[in-house]
């Protein structure tokens, strides 16, 4: 179950990074960070992260 959520989190993080103008590498790092957080979590919901944590705030 956590594998599919991790994939979803990776996709969401990468998409968010690209949406906010990050390079593909930077966006994939965001996706990887979110995915690893999901895998490490014992909860049934994804951990919450604020946009400023990843410097993806709209300018």
Protein backbone atom coordinates (compact mmCIF):
# COMPACT_ATOMS: atom_id res chain seq x y z
CA UNK A 1 0.00 0.00 0.00
CA UNK A 2 2.74 2.49 0.86
CA UNK A 3 4.42 1.88 -2.52
CA UNK A 4 1.47 3.26 -4.47
CA UNK A 5 1.21 6.22 -2.10
CA UNK A 6 4.94 6.83 -2.47
CA UNK A 7 4.57 6.86 -6.24
CA UNK A 8 1.68 9.29 -5.97
CA UNK A 9 3.73 11.51 -3.65
CA UNK A 10 6.71 11.42 -6.01
CA UNK A 11 4.51 12.39 -8.95
CA UNK A 12 2.82 15.16 -6.98
CA UNK A 13 6.10 16.58 -5.69
CA UNK A 14 7.72 16.49 -9.12
CA UNK A 15 4.67 18.08 -10.73
CA UNK A 16 4.55 20.81 -8.09
CA UNK A 17 8.22 21.58 -8.57
CA UNK A 18 7.82 21.87 -12.34
CA UNK A 19 4.68 23.97 -11.95
CA UNK A 20 6.61 26.45 -9.84
CA UNK A 21 9.50 26.72 -12.29
CA UNK A 22 12.04 24.31 -10.82
CA UNK A 23 14.37 22.37 -13.10
CA UNK A 24 13.58 18.70 -13.70
CA UNK A 25 16.37 17.69 -11.30
CA UNK A 26 15.12 20.04 -8.55
CA UNK A 27 11.52 18.89 -9.10
CA UNK A 28 12.53 15.23 -8.87
CA UNK A 29 14.40 15.92 -5.63
CA UNK A 30 11.19 17.37 -4.20
CA UNK A 31 9.28 14.31 -5.41
CA UNK A 32 11.87 11.97 -3.89
CA UNK A 33 11.73 13.77 -0.56
CA UNK A 34 7.94 13.50 -0.43
CA UNK A 35 8.00 9.84 -1.47
CA UNK A 36 10.57 8.94 1.18
CA UNK A 37 8.48 10.69 3.81
CA UNK A 38 5.47 8.59 2.85
CA UNK A 39 7.48 5.37 3.05
CA UNK A 40 8.88 6.33 6.48
CA UNK A 41 5.46 7.29 7.86
CA UNK A 42 3.33 4.87 9.88
CA UNK A 43 0.25 6.99 9.27
CA UNK A 44 -2.41 6.29 6.64
CA UNK A 45 -2.18 9.84 5.32
CA UNK A 46 0.68 11.62 3.61
CA UNK A 47 2.68 13.99 5.80
CA UNK A 48 1.94 17.67 5.24
CA UNK A 49 4.63 19.94 3.84
CA UNK A 50 4.41 23.64 3.27
CA UNK A 51 5.46 25.14 -0.05
CA UNK A 52 8.16 27.24 1.56
CA UNK A 53 9.93 24.08 2.79
CA UNK A 54 10.82 23.37 -0.84
CA UNK A 55 11.13 26.99 -1.97
CA UNK A 56 8.23 26.61 -4.39
CA UNK A 57 6.29 29.69 -3.34
CA UNK A 58 4.69 31.64 -6.18
CA UNK A 59 6.55 34.83 -6.97
